[in-house]
Amino acid sequence: MKAGNNIKITGHSMLKADEKWELGLIDMAVTAAKEAIENSGNILPQVLICANALGAAMMDQRNLAVHVAGQLGLHDIETLDINCGEASGGAALRQGSAIIKAGLAETVLVVGAEKTSDALPEQLESIRAFGLNASLEAHFGFSPSIGAALGMKAYLKRYNLEHSMFYHLARTAHEHAVNNPYAIFPFKLNESQYLKSPVISTPLTVMDTAPPCDGAAAVMLVKEDLNSENKNKGIYILSSSSITGKLGIPLPVETLELPAVKKSIQESLTCANLNIEDIALFEFHDSNSFFSALSIESAGLSKKGEVLKDAADGKFLKDGNYPLWYSGGNKARGNTIGATGIYQAVEACKTLMENSFSDGKKNALIQSLGSFGAQAITHIIGKL
């Protein structure tokens, strides 16, 4: 879907990703929403969309958007909840864009919120497993981490690599998080720390995995003509694409490919009339090192089997060919699960506004994945 250059992000906000024992799911969502409204010049939304993946499964608030609207005093507006697993944030952003594109509203507030700290790690992993095939995978003991471990093992075997090579992807994320006050782990990661990391499921370790966090983020989407005095100034949603491919753990593990990732990116670039070389920064789904590697290769930033070497060569650092995870990504910022797509949008907006890039590049590509890579939702955000 070509969003059109009239969909502008006028305000955004995000909370630091961490364990927020003092805040509940609604509290976080309301806080982020209030800040986004204030940062947009107090524009009020006609539609409020909330993205959340785990709330109902964790016996937390259902129908979140209704309750957030009530807390904000937003009455007589449309509310909508989006749950697409870990792709929820991306799906909510796409839905907000579509509503404006269809002429159904001129202002849409999109909020992503997730509360993970109320569950023990093994409970949380079990809940997240039901984003896989419930009857054929989750009920048989498979989980996202086990699937990723199988994939990493297959990747290392096929390309005759040592596990230590995956360090360079984690290093890239951590190096970029150093100056991010919203990151849970804003420190550089050395190879010794990586190699000593506890094993989750061989060869996947703790340092290969993004830490689940509590958090909330929000963006205000506004039809351009409401702010005509600022026309062509700011950040716009240039295009989006949502692709669902074949389900199941076997496809990415056996083929080491993510077809939905590739097609979604190609479609978004075409809709925005851009090439991959026009993108200044990339935010890929990095819940673990396996998906980081496959996403980068599926996007065409590395050839098959070469992404780890490219990472070691600094290709994805801020001064490299294709800067990745400019604020640390899920790995170092923290994985807010269903809210991640909104965090990506906020971080992309801030980065594009605060930095100048070589060759006049002024666009960011963000992507969320759901159901072990079967669903890919891509947005291109940038300046006109």
Protein backbone atom coordinates (compact mmCIF):
# COMPACT_ATOMS: atom_id res chain seq x y z
CA MET A 1 0.00 0.00 0.00
CA LYS A 2 1.30 3.40 -0.95
CA ALA A 3 0.40 5.48 2.08
CA GLY A 4 0.71 8.73 0.22
CA ASN A 5 2.82 11.71 1.12
CA ASN A 6 -0.06 13.22 3.08
CA ILE A 7 0.29 10.91 6.09
CA LYS A 8 2.53 12.71 8.50
CA ILE A 9 3.87 11.67 11.90
CA THR A 10 3.31 14.86 13.89
CA GLY A 11 4.04 13.56 17.38
CA HIS A 12 5.66 10.53 18.95
CA SER A 13 6.82 9.20 22.29
CA MET A 14 8.25 6.11 23.92
CA LEU A 15 9.02 4.84 27.40
CA LYS A 16 12.34 3.31 28.35
CA ALA A 17 12.22 -0.44 27.78
CA ASP A 18 12.79 -2.21 31.11
CA GLU A 19 10.89 -3.80 34.00
CA LYS A 20 8.22 -1.36 35.14
CA TRP A 21 6.94 -2.82 38.37
CA GLU A 22 5.14 0.41 39.24
CA LEU A 23 3.18 0.63 35.99
CA GLY A 24 0.50 -1.62 34.52
CA LEU A 25 -0.30 -2.19 30.87
CA ILE A 26 -2.93 0.57 30.73
CA ASP A 27 -0.68 2.98 32.66
CA MET A 28 2.14 2.58 30.15
CA ALA A 29 -0.14 2.94 27.13
CA VAL A 30 -1.78 6.07 28.55
CA THR A 31 1.57 7.66 29.40
CA ALA A 32 2.92 7.14 25.88
CA ALA A 33 -0.34 8.30 24.31
CA LYS A 34 -0.45 11.51 26.35
CA GLU A 35 3.10 12.41 25.38
CA ALA A 36 2.46 11.76 21.69
CA ILE A 37 -0.64 13.99 21.79
CA GLU A 38 1.31 16.76 23.53
CA ASN A 39 4.22 16.44 21.10
CA SER A 40 1.83 16.76 18.17
CA GLY A 41 0.65 20.16 19.40
CA ASN A 42 -2.31 18.65 21.29
CA ILE A 43 -4.03 17.37 18.16
CA LEU A 44 -6.74 14.96 19.28
CA PRO A 45 -7.24 11.65 17.47
CA GLN A 46 -10.42 10.63 15.75
CA VAL A 47 -9.26 7.02 15.94
CA LEU A 48 -7.17 5.29 18.62
CA ILE A 49 -5.45 2.00 17.74
CA CYS A 50 -3.64 -0.12 20.34
CA ALA A 51 -1.16 -2.89 19.55
CA ASN A 52 -0.60 -5.58 22.18
CA ALA A 53 0.43 -9.21 21.77
CA LEU A 54 0.41 -10.83 25.21
CA GLY A 55 -2.09 -9.01 27.45
CA ALA A 56 -5.00 -11.42 27.16
CA ALA A 57 -2.79 -14.52 27.39
CA MET A 58 -1.19 -13.14 30.55
CA MET A 59 -4.58 -12.45 32.14
CA ASP A 60 -4.11 -8.72 31.66
CA GLN A 61 -6.37 -6.14 30.04
CA ARG A 62 -8.40 -7.11 26.98
CA ASN A 63 -9.88 -4.51 24.61
CA LEU A 64 -7.03 -2.20 25.56
CA ALA A 65 -7.87 0.71 23.25
CA VAL A 66 -11.27 1.29 24.86
CA HIS A 67 -9.69 1.59 28.30
CA VAL A 68 -6.85 3.81 27.10
CA ALA A 69 -9.35 6.14 25.41
CA GLY A 70 -11.38 6.29 28.62
CA GLN A 71 -8.32 7.18 30.71
CA LEU A 72 -7.42 9.91 28.23
CA GLY A 73 -10.95 11.34 28.25
CA LEU A 74 -11.29 10.62 24.52
CA HIS A 75 -15.00 9.96 24.15
CA ASP A 76 -17.02 9.48 20.95
CA ILE A 77 -14.00 8.28 18.97
CA GLU A 78 -13.34 4.99 17.18
CA THR A 79 -11.08 2.50 18.96
CA LEU A 80 -9.43 -0.62 17.63
CA ASP A 81 -7.17 -3.32 19.05
CA ILE A 82 -4.55 -5.16 16.98
CA ASN A 83 -3.01 -8.50 17.94
CA CYS A 84 -0.73 -10.05 15.34
CA GLY A 85 1.77 -11.48 17.80
CA GLU A 86 5.19 -9.87 17.53
CA ALA A 87 4.08 -8.08 14.37
CA SER A 88 1.30 -6.24 16.25
CA GLY A 89 3.02 -2.85 16.26
CA GLY A 90 3.69 -2.93 12.54
CA ALA A 91 0.15 -4.08 11.82
CA ALA A 92 -1.32 -1.26 13.94
CA LEU A 93 0.79 1.34 12.14
CA ARG A 94 -0.34 -0.02 8.78
CA GLN A 95 -3.98 -0.01 9.88
CA GLY A 96 -3.70 3.61 11.02
CA SER A 97 -2.23 4.59 7.68
CA ALA A 98 -4.95 2.72 5.81
CA ILE A 99 -7.72 4.49 7.74
CA ILE A 100 -6.34 7.89 6.75
CA LYS A 101 -5.68 6.75 3.19
CA ALA A 102 -9.31 5.60 2.93
CA GLY A 103 -10.58 8.98 4.09
CA LEU A 104 -12.20 7.55 7.22
CA ALA A 105 -10.28 9.84 9.58
CA GLU A 106 -7.74 12.65 9.50
CA THR A 107 -6.03 11.97 12.83
CA VAL A 108 -5.10 8.53 14.17
CA LEU A 109 -3.17 7.80 17.35
CA VAL A 110 -1.34 4.46 17.26
CA VAL A 111 -0.12 3.06 20.57
CA GLY A 112 1.87 -0.09 21.27
CA ALA A 113 2.15 -1.45 24.81
CA GLU A 114 3.44 -4.67 26.34
CA LYS A 115 3.85 -5.97 29.88
CA THR A 116 6.22 -8.93 30.16
CA SER A 117 7.59 -8.68 33.71
CA ASP A 118 4.50 -10.25 35.32
CA ALA A 119 5.52 -13.70 34.07
CA LEU A 120 8.52 -15.89 34.81
CA PRO A 121 10.84 -16.47 31.82
CA GLU A 122 9.62 -20.01 31.18
CA GLN A 123 5.98 -18.88 31.41
CA LEU A 124 6.63 -16.04 28.98
CA GLU A 125 8.34 -18.37 26.52
CA SER A 126 5.40 -20.76 26.71
CA ILE A 127 2.93 -17.92 26.01
CA ARG A 128 4.99 -16.66 23.08
CA ALA A 129 5.09 -20.19 21.68
CA PHE A 130 1.42 -19.92 20.77
CA GLY A 131 2.36 -17.50 18.02
CA LEU A 132 3.55 -20.69 16.33
CA ASN A 133 1.17 -23.44 15.21
CA ALA A 134 -0.65 -24.19 18.47
CA SER A 135 -1.60 -27.79 17.75
CA LEU A 136 1.42 -28.96 15.77
CA GLU A 137 4.25 -26.95 17.35
CA ALA A 138 3.44 -25.20 20.64
CA HIS A 139 1.64 -28.19 22.19
CA PHE A 140 4.60 -30.40 21.29
CA GLY A 141 7.05 -28.22 23.21
CA PHE A 142 8.40 -26.04 20.43
CA SER A 143 8.95 -22.36 21.20
CA PRO A 144 10.47 -19.37 19.38
CA SER A 145 13.80 -19.98 21.11
CA ILE A 146 13.92 -23.67 20.25
CA GLY A 147 13.01 -22.89 16.64
CA ALA A 148 15.71 -20.23 16.47
CA ALA A 149 18.27 -22.63 17.94
CA LEU A 150 17.43 -25.21 15.27
CA GLY A 151 17.77 -22.53 12.63
CA MET A 152 21.12 -21.29 13.93
CA LYS A 153 22.47 -24.83 14.01
CA ALA A 154 21.35 -25.38 10.42
CA TYR A 155 22.88 -22.05 9.34
CA LEU A 156 26.25 -22.81 10.93
CA LYS A 157 26.35 -26.29 9.44
CA ARG A 158 25.38 -25.24 5.92
CA TYR A 159 27.94 -22.46 5.72
CA ASN A 160 30.63 -24.17 7.82
CA LEU A 161 30.82 -21.38 10.41
CA GLU A 162 31.62 -21.16 14.11
CA HIS A 163 28.96 -19.95 16.53
CA SER A 164 31.27 -17.12 17.60
CA MET A 165 30.59 -15.41 14.25
CA PHE A 166 27.09 -14.52 15.45
CA TYR A 167 28.76 -12.25 17.99
CA HIS A 168 29.14 -9.53 15.38
CA LEU A 169 25.40 -9.05 14.99
CA ALA A 170 24.94 -8.63 18.75
CA ARG A 171 27.98 -6.34 18.87
CA THR A 172 26.45 -4.08 16.22
CA ALA A 173 23.22 -3.64 18.18
CA HIS A 174 24.98 -2.96 21.48
CA GLU A 175 27.41 -0.50 19.95
CA HIS A 176 24.50 1.51 18.60
CA ALA A 177 22.69 1.52 21.95
CA VAL A 178 25.51 3.17 23.88
CA ASN A 179 24.04 6.68 23.68
CA ASN A 180 20.37 5.66 23.74
CA PRO A 181 18.78 6.67 27.10
CA TYR A 182 15.78 4.45 26.29
CA ALA A 183 17.85 1.25 25.99
CA ILE A 184 17.90 -1.36 28.74
CA PHE A 185 21.48 -2.43 27.84
CA PRO A 186 23.33 0.70 26.63
CA PHE A 187 26.81 -0.80 26.67
CA LYS A 188 29.28 -2.25 24.21
CA LEU A 189 29.48 -6.03 24.10
CA ASN A 190 32.87 -7.72 23.85
CA GLU A 191 33.46 -11.16 22.41
CA SER A 192 34.42 -12.67 25.76
CA GLN A 193 31.07 -11.65 27.25
CA TYR A 194 29.28 -13.14 24.28
CA LEU A 195 31.14 -16.46 24.42
CA LYS A 196 30.53 -16.85 28.17
CA SER A 197 26.80 -16.25 27.81
CA PRO A 198 24.54 -19.02 29.21
CA VAL A 199 23.00 -21.39 26.69
CA ILE A 200 19.23 -21.27 26.18
CA SER A 201 19.04 -24.03 23.57
CA THR A 202 22.24 -25.03 21.78
CA PRO A 203 23.68 -23.04 20.08
CA LEU A 204 21.34 -20.13 21.00
CA THR A 205 22.57 -18.22 24.07
CA VAL A 206 21.28 -15.38 26.19
CA MET A 207 23.44 -12.94 24.23
CA ASP A 208 21.84 -14.13 21.00
CA THR A 209 18.42 -13.17 22.30
CA ALA A 210 16.65 -9.85 22.81
CA PRO A 211 15.46 -9.43 26.42
CA PRO A 212 11.65 -9.20 26.83
CA CYS A 213 10.75 -5.85 28.38
CA ASP A 214 7.83 -3.74 29.53
CA GLY A 215 7.24 -0.66 27.43
CA ALA A 216 4.94 1.54 25.40
CA ALA A 217 5.34 3.86 22.42
CA ALA A 218 2.97 5.99 20.37
CA VAL A 219 2.77 7.96 17.14
CA MET A 220 0.20 10.50 15.95
CA LEU A 221 -0.66 10.16 12.28
CA VAL A 222 -2.22 13.22 10.65
CA LYS A 223 -3.49 13.95 7.17
CA GLU A 224 -1.13 16.59 5.79
CA ASP A 225 -3.66 19.32 5.01
CA LEU A 226 -4.41 19.73 8.74
CA ASN A 227 -0.93 21.21 9.08
CA SER A 228 -0.56 22.95 5.73
CA GLU A 229 1.74 25.61 7.20
CA ASN A 230 4.29 22.84 7.84
CA LYS A 231 3.75 21.04 4.56
CA ASN A 232 6.74 19.01 3.37
CA LYS A 233 8.49 19.49 6.72
CA GLY A 234 8.79 16.48 8.99
CA ILE A 235 8.51 12.71 8.67
CA TYR A 236 5.95 10.87 6.57
CA ILE A 237 4.86 7.27 6.09
CA LEU A 238 5.78 6.77 2.45
CA SER A 239 4.62 3.19 1.98
CA SER A 240 3.79 -0.05 3.74
CA SER A 241 3.37 -3.70 2.86
CA SER A 242 2.05 -6.71 4.75
CA ILE A 243 2.81 -10.19 3.43
CA THR A 244 1.89 -13.56 4.90
CA GLY A 245 3.71 -16.61 3.61
CA LYS A 246 3.91 -20.27 4.49
CA LEU A 247 3.54 -21.06 8.19
CA GLY A 248 5.68 -23.30 10.35
CA ILE A 249 9.13 -23.65 11.83
CA PRO A 250 10.44 -25.97 9.05
CA LEU A 251 10.44 -23.37 6.25
CA PRO A 252 13.02 -20.93 7.67
CA VAL A 253 15.00 -23.69 9.40
CA GLU A 254 15.29 -25.89 6.31
CA THR A 255 15.54 -23.22 3.60
CA LEU A 256 17.27 -20.52 5.66
CA GLU A 257 15.06 -18.01 3.88
CA LEU A 258 12.23 -15.67 4.84
CA PRO A 259 10.18 -15.20 1.65
CA ALA A 260 7.66 -12.87 3.31
CA VAL A 261 10.49 -10.56 4.39
CA LYS A 262 11.83 -10.31 0.85
CA LYS A 263 8.47 -9.73 -0.81
CA SER A 264 7.28 -7.20 1.77
CA ILE A 265 10.44 -5.13 1.38
CA GLN A 266 10.32 -5.25 -2.42
CA GLU A 267 6.67 -4.19 -2.41
CA SER A 268 7.31 -1.29 -0.01
CA LEU A 269 10.25 -0.02 -2.03
CA THR A 270 8.25 -0.19 -5.25
CA CYS A 271 5.30 1.65 -3.72
CA ALA A 272 7.61 4.39 -2.45
CA ASN A 273 9.47 4.53 -5.79
CA LEU A 274 12.75 3.85 -4.00
CA ASN A 275 15.66 1.42 -4.19
CA ILE A 276 17.37 -0.30 -1.28
CA GLU A 277 20.31 2.08 -1.77
CA ASP A 278 18.01 5.03 -0.98
CA ILE A 279 17.52 3.83 2.61
CA ALA A 280 19.59 5.53 5.30
CA LEU A 281 18.88 3.09 8.14
CA PHE A 282 17.20 -0.25 8.72
CA GLU A 283 15.28 -1.66 11.67
CA PHE A 284 14.82 -5.40 11.22
CA HIS A 285 13.16 -7.91 13.52
CA ASP A 286 15.95 -9.04 15.85
CA SER A 287 14.25 -11.06 18.57
CA ASN A 288 17.25 -13.37 18.20
CA SER A 289 20.39 -13.73 16.09
CA PHE A 290 18.79 -16.24 13.73
CA PHE A 291 16.08 -13.84 12.60
CA SER A 292 18.58 -11.00 12.42
CA ALA A 293 20.75 -12.98 10.00
CA LEU A 294 17.91 -14.24 7.82
CA SER A 295 16.18 -10.84 7.69
CA ILE A 296 19.33 -9.10 6.51
CA GLU A 297 20.00 -11.71 3.83
CA SER A 298 16.36 -11.82 2.73
CA ALA A 299 16.42 -8.04 2.35
CA GLY A 300 19.38 -8.35 0.00
CA LEU A 301 21.88 -6.51 2.21
CA SER A 302 24.10 -9.59 2.30
CA LYS A 303 24.51 -12.60 0.08
CA LYS A 304 23.43 -15.97 1.45
CA GLY A 305 25.85 -17.21 4.07
CA GLU A 306 27.81 -13.96 4.22
CA VAL A 307 25.87 -11.84 6.70
CA LEU A 308 28.05 -12.76 9.68
CA LYS A 309 31.23 -11.91 7.79
CA ASP A 310 29.66 -8.64 6.65
CA ALA A 311 28.79 -7.83 10.26
CA ALA A 312 32.36 -8.60 11.32
CA ASP A 313 33.57 -6.20 8.63
CA GLY A 314 31.40 -3.40 10.04
CA LYS A 315 29.00 -3.27 7.11
CA PHE A 316 26.02 -2.62 9.41
CA LEU A 317 27.58 -0.06 11.74
CA LYS A 318 26.54 3.60 11.55
CA ASP A 319 29.38 4.39 9.17
CA GLY A 320 28.88 1.20 7.18
CA ASN A 321 27.01 0.47 3.96
CA TYR A 322 23.70 -0.37 5.61
CA PRO A 323 23.31 0.97 9.18
CA LEU A 324 21.19 -1.38 11.29
CA TRP A 325 19.44 -0.91 14.63
CA TYR A 326 20.50 2.70 14.97
CA SER A 327 19.23 2.83 18.57
CA GLY A 328 20.19 -0.71 19.56
CA GLY A 329 17.27 -2.71 18.18
CA ASN A 330 15.44 -5.26 20.26
CA LYS A 331 18.76 -6.79 21.31
CA ALA A 332 20.04 -3.79 23.27
CA ARG A 333 17.03 -1.47 23.53
CA GLY A 334 14.83 -4.31 24.76
CA ASN A 335 12.16 -6.43 23.11
CA THR A 336 8.73 -4.95 23.77
CA ILE A 337 7.08 -7.71 21.70
CA GLY A 338 3.78 -6.34 20.36
CA ALA A 339 4.88 -2.72 20.82
CA THR A 340 8.14 -3.13 18.92
CA GLY A 341 6.83 -1.89 15.57
CA ILE A 342 5.86 1.41 17.17
CA TYR A 343 9.23 1.71 18.90
CA GLN A 344 10.86 1.23 15.51
CA ALA A 345 8.74 4.03 14.03
CA VAL A 346 9.54 6.44 16.88
CA GLU A 347 13.27 5.68 16.73
CA ALA A 348 13.32 6.07 12.95
CA CYS A 349 11.59 9.46 13.23
CA LYS A 350 14.03 10.70 15.86
CA THR A 351 17.07 9.44 13.95
CA LEU A 352 16.00 10.97 10.64
CA MET A 353 15.25 14.32 12.26
CA GLU A 354 18.45 14.48 14.30
CA ASN A 355 21.00 13.20 11.77
CA SER A 356 22.24 13.92 8.27
CA PHE A 357 23.17 10.97 6.08
CA SER A 358 25.57 10.52 3.21
CA ASP A 359 24.38 11.03 -0.35
CA GLY A 360 21.32 12.87 0.87
CA LYS A 361 19.57 9.74 2.10
CA LYS A 362 16.48 10.57 4.16
CA ASN A 363 14.46 7.37 4.51
CA ALA A 364 14.24 4.51 7.01
CA LEU A 365 12.94 0.97 6.53
CA ILE A 366 11.34 -0.73 9.51
CA GLN A 367 9.99 -4.27 9.62
CA SER A 368 8.09 -6.45 12.09
CA LEU A 369 7.72 -10.22 11.89
CA GLY A 370 5.07 -12.53 13.29
CA SER A 371 4.59 -16.30 13.59
CA PHE A 372 8.23 -17.26 13.13
CA GLY A 373 8.72 -15.09 10.07
CA ALA A 374 5.57 -16.15 8.21
CA GLN A 375 4.19 -12.61 8.49
CA ALA A 376 6.24 -9.57 7.50
CA ILE A 377 5.07 -5.97 7.78
CA THR A 378 7.33 -3.30 6.32
CA HIS A 379 7.10 0.50 6.41
CA ILE A 380 9.24 3.11 4.74
CA ILE A 381 9.35 6.33 6.71
CA GLY A 382 11.09 9.46 5.55
CA LYS A 383 11.30 13.08 4.55
CA LEU A 384 9.86 14.45 1.32
